[in-house]
Amino acid sequence: MEWILQTLMMMGAKAASIFLHPDSPNFEVVQGMMAILALGGLVLLITFAFRKK
C-alpha cells in the first residue's frame, strides 16, 4: 500500500511544481491537493473503463 501513496505523491509533486516552486512553504499542501486530484482522476478512469454500455 505504501507504493500507491508514494506514486500519488510523486505525481502530485510533478503537478505542483508547475504552479509553485519546490522551495515554497506551501509546496507540501499543494502537492497533497494534486495527489488527491490524481487519485480522483484515476478512480474516474477506472470507473469509465469498466462501465457497462
N, C-alpha and C. Protein backbone atom coordinates (compact mmCIF):
# COMPACT_ATOMS: atom_id res chain seq x y z
N MET A 1 0.81 -1.19 0.00
CA MET A 1 0.00 0.00 0.00
C MET A 1 0.86 1.26 0.00
N GLU A 2 2.05 1.16 0.50
CA GLU A 2 2.92 2.33 0.58
C GLU A 2 3.31 2.83 -0.81
N TRP A 3 3.47 1.91 -1.75
CA TRP A 3 3.88 2.31 -3.09
C TRP A 3 2.81 3.14 -3.79
N ILE A 4 1.54 2.90 -3.44
CA ILE A 4 0.45 3.70 -4.01
C ILE A 4 0.57 5.15 -3.55
N LEU A 5 0.78 5.33 -2.27
CA LEU A 5 0.93 6.68 -1.71
C LEU A 5 2.15 7.37 -2.28
N GLN A 6 3.26 6.66 -2.38
CA GLN A 6 4.48 7.25 -2.93
C GLN A 6 4.28 7.66 -4.38
N THR A 7 3.60 6.84 -5.16
CA THR A 7 3.34 7.17 -6.56
C THR A 7 2.44 8.39 -6.67
N LEU A 8 1.39 8.44 -5.86
CA LEU A 8 0.49 9.59 -5.89
C LEU A 8 1.21 10.87 -5.47
N MET A 9 2.06 10.78 -4.47
CA MET A 9 2.79 11.97 -4.02
C MET A 9 3.82 12.41 -5.06
N MET A 10 4.42 11.47 -5.78
CA MET A 10 5.34 11.85 -6.86
C MET A 10 4.58 12.56 -7.97
N MET A 11 3.39 12.03 -8.31
CA MET A 11 2.57 12.68 -9.33
C MET A 11 2.13 14.06 -8.85
N GLY A 12 1.80 14.16 -7.59
CA GLY A 12 1.41 15.45 -7.02
C GLY A 12 2.55 16.45 -7.02
N ALA A 13 3.75 15.97 -6.77
CA ALA A 13 4.92 16.86 -6.77
C ALA A 13 5.20 17.39 -8.17
N LYS A 14 5.06 16.52 -9.17
CA LYS A 14 5.27 16.97 -10.55
C LYS A 14 4.24 18.03 -10.94
N ALA A 15 2.98 17.78 -10.58
CA ALA A 15 1.92 18.73 -10.93
C ALA A 15 2.06 20.02 -10.12
N ALA A 16 2.43 19.92 -8.86
CA ALA A 16 2.57 21.11 -8.02
C ALA A 16 3.75 21.97 -8.47
N SER A 17 4.79 21.35 -9.00
CA SER A 17 5.95 22.12 -9.43
C SER A 17 5.64 22.97 -10.65
N ILE A 18 4.56 22.68 -11.37
CA ILE A 18 4.13 23.53 -12.48
C ILE A 18 3.63 24.86 -11.94
N PHE A 19 2.92 24.83 -10.82
CA PHE A 19 2.30 26.03 -10.26
C PHE A 19 3.14 26.72 -9.20
N LEU A 20 4.01 25.99 -8.53
CA LEU A 20 4.70 26.51 -7.36
C LEU A 20 6.14 26.05 -7.37
N HIS A 21 7.03 26.88 -6.84
CA HIS A 21 8.43 26.49 -6.72
C HIS A 21 8.57 25.51 -5.55
N PRO A 22 9.38 24.45 -5.72
CA PRO A 22 9.50 23.45 -4.64
C PRO A 22 10.02 23.99 -3.31
N ASP A 23 10.65 25.15 -3.30
CA ASP A 23 11.14 25.73 -2.04
C ASP A 23 10.07 26.56 -1.33
N SER A 24 8.91 26.69 -1.95
CA SER A 24 7.84 27.47 -1.35
C SER A 24 7.33 26.79 -0.08
N PRO A 25 6.93 27.59 0.92
CA PRO A 25 6.45 26.98 2.17
C PRO A 25 5.14 26.20 2.02
N ASN A 26 4.35 26.49 1.00
CA ASN A 26 3.07 25.80 0.81
C ASN A 26 3.17 24.64 -0.17
N PHE A 27 4.36 24.25 -0.56
CA PHE A 27 4.51 23.23 -1.59
C PHE A 27 3.91 21.90 -1.16
N GLU A 28 4.08 21.50 0.09
CA GLU A 28 3.55 20.22 0.54
C GLU A 28 2.03 20.20 0.52
N VAL A 29 1.42 21.34 0.83
CA VAL A 29 -0.05 21.43 0.81
C VAL A 29 -0.56 21.26 -0.62
N VAL A 30 0.06 21.99 -1.54
CA VAL A 30 -0.35 21.90 -2.94
C VAL A 30 -0.05 20.51 -3.50
N GLN A 31 1.07 19.93 -3.08
CA GLN A 31 1.41 18.57 -3.50
C GLN A 31 0.35 17.58 -3.04
N GLY A 32 -0.11 17.71 -1.83
CA GLY A 32 -1.17 16.84 -1.32
C GLY A 32 -2.47 17.01 -2.07
N MET A 33 -2.81 18.27 -2.38
CA MET A 33 -4.04 18.50 -3.15
C MET A 33 -3.95 17.91 -4.54
N MET A 34 -2.80 18.04 -5.17
CA MET A 34 -2.61 17.47 -6.50
C MET A 34 -2.64 15.94 -6.45
N ALA A 35 -2.12 15.36 -5.37
CA ALA A 35 -2.18 13.90 -5.23
C ALA A 35 -3.62 13.42 -5.08
N ILE A 36 -4.43 14.19 -4.36
CA ILE A 36 -5.85 13.84 -4.21
C ILE A 36 -6.55 13.96 -5.56
N LEU A 37 -6.24 15.00 -6.32
CA LEU A 37 -6.81 15.14 -7.66
C LEU A 37 -6.38 14.00 -8.57
N ALA A 38 -5.13 13.58 -8.46
CA ALA A 38 -4.65 12.46 -9.27
C ALA A 38 -5.39 11.18 -8.90
N LEU A 39 -5.62 10.97 -7.61
CA LEU A 39 -6.37 9.79 -7.17
C LEU A 39 -7.80 9.83 -7.70
N GLY A 40 -8.43 10.99 -7.64
CA GLY A 40 -9.78 11.12 -8.17
C GLY A 40 -9.83 10.86 -9.67
N GLY A 41 -8.85 11.37 -10.40
CA GLY A 41 -8.79 11.13 -11.83
C GLY A 41 -8.57 9.67 -12.15
N LEU A 42 -7.75 9.02 -11.37
CA LEU A 42 -7.50 7.59 -11.56
C LEU A 42 -8.77 6.77 -11.31
N VAL A 43 -9.50 7.13 -10.28
CA VAL A 43 -10.76 6.43 -9.99
C VAL A 43 -11.76 6.65 -11.12
N LEU A 44 -11.83 7.87 -11.65
CA LEU A 44 -12.73 8.14 -12.77
C LEU A 44 -12.34 7.35 -14.01
N LEU A 45 -11.05 7.28 -14.29
CA LEU A 45 -10.60 6.50 -15.44
C LEU A 45 -10.98 5.03 -15.31
N ILE A 46 -10.78 4.47 -14.13
CA ILE A 46 -11.12 3.07 -13.90
C ILE A 46 -12.63 2.87 -14.00
N THR A 47 -13.39 3.82 -13.45
CA THR A 47 -14.85 3.72 -13.50
C THR A 47 -15.36 3.73 -14.93
N PHE A 48 -14.87 4.64 -15.74
CA PHE A 48 -15.33 4.73 -17.12
C PHE A 48 -14.80 3.58 -17.97
N ALA A 49 -13.68 3.01 -17.60
CA ALA A 49 -13.14 1.91 -18.38
C ALA A 49 -13.95 0.63 -18.19
N PHE A 50 -14.52 0.43 -17.01
CA PHE A 50 -15.22 -0.81 -16.71
C PHE A 50 -16.73 -0.67 -16.63
N ARG A 51 -17.28 0.45 -17.08
CA ARG A 51 -18.73 0.60 -17.04
C ARG A 51 -19.37 -0.22 -18.16
N LYS A 52 -20.61 -0.59 -17.93
CA LYS A 52 -21.35 -1.36 -18.94
C LYS A 52 -22.02 -0.38 -19.90
N LYS A 53 -21.94 -0.70 -21.16
CA LYS A 53 -22.52 0.20 -22.16
C LYS A 53 -23.88 -0.26 -22.61
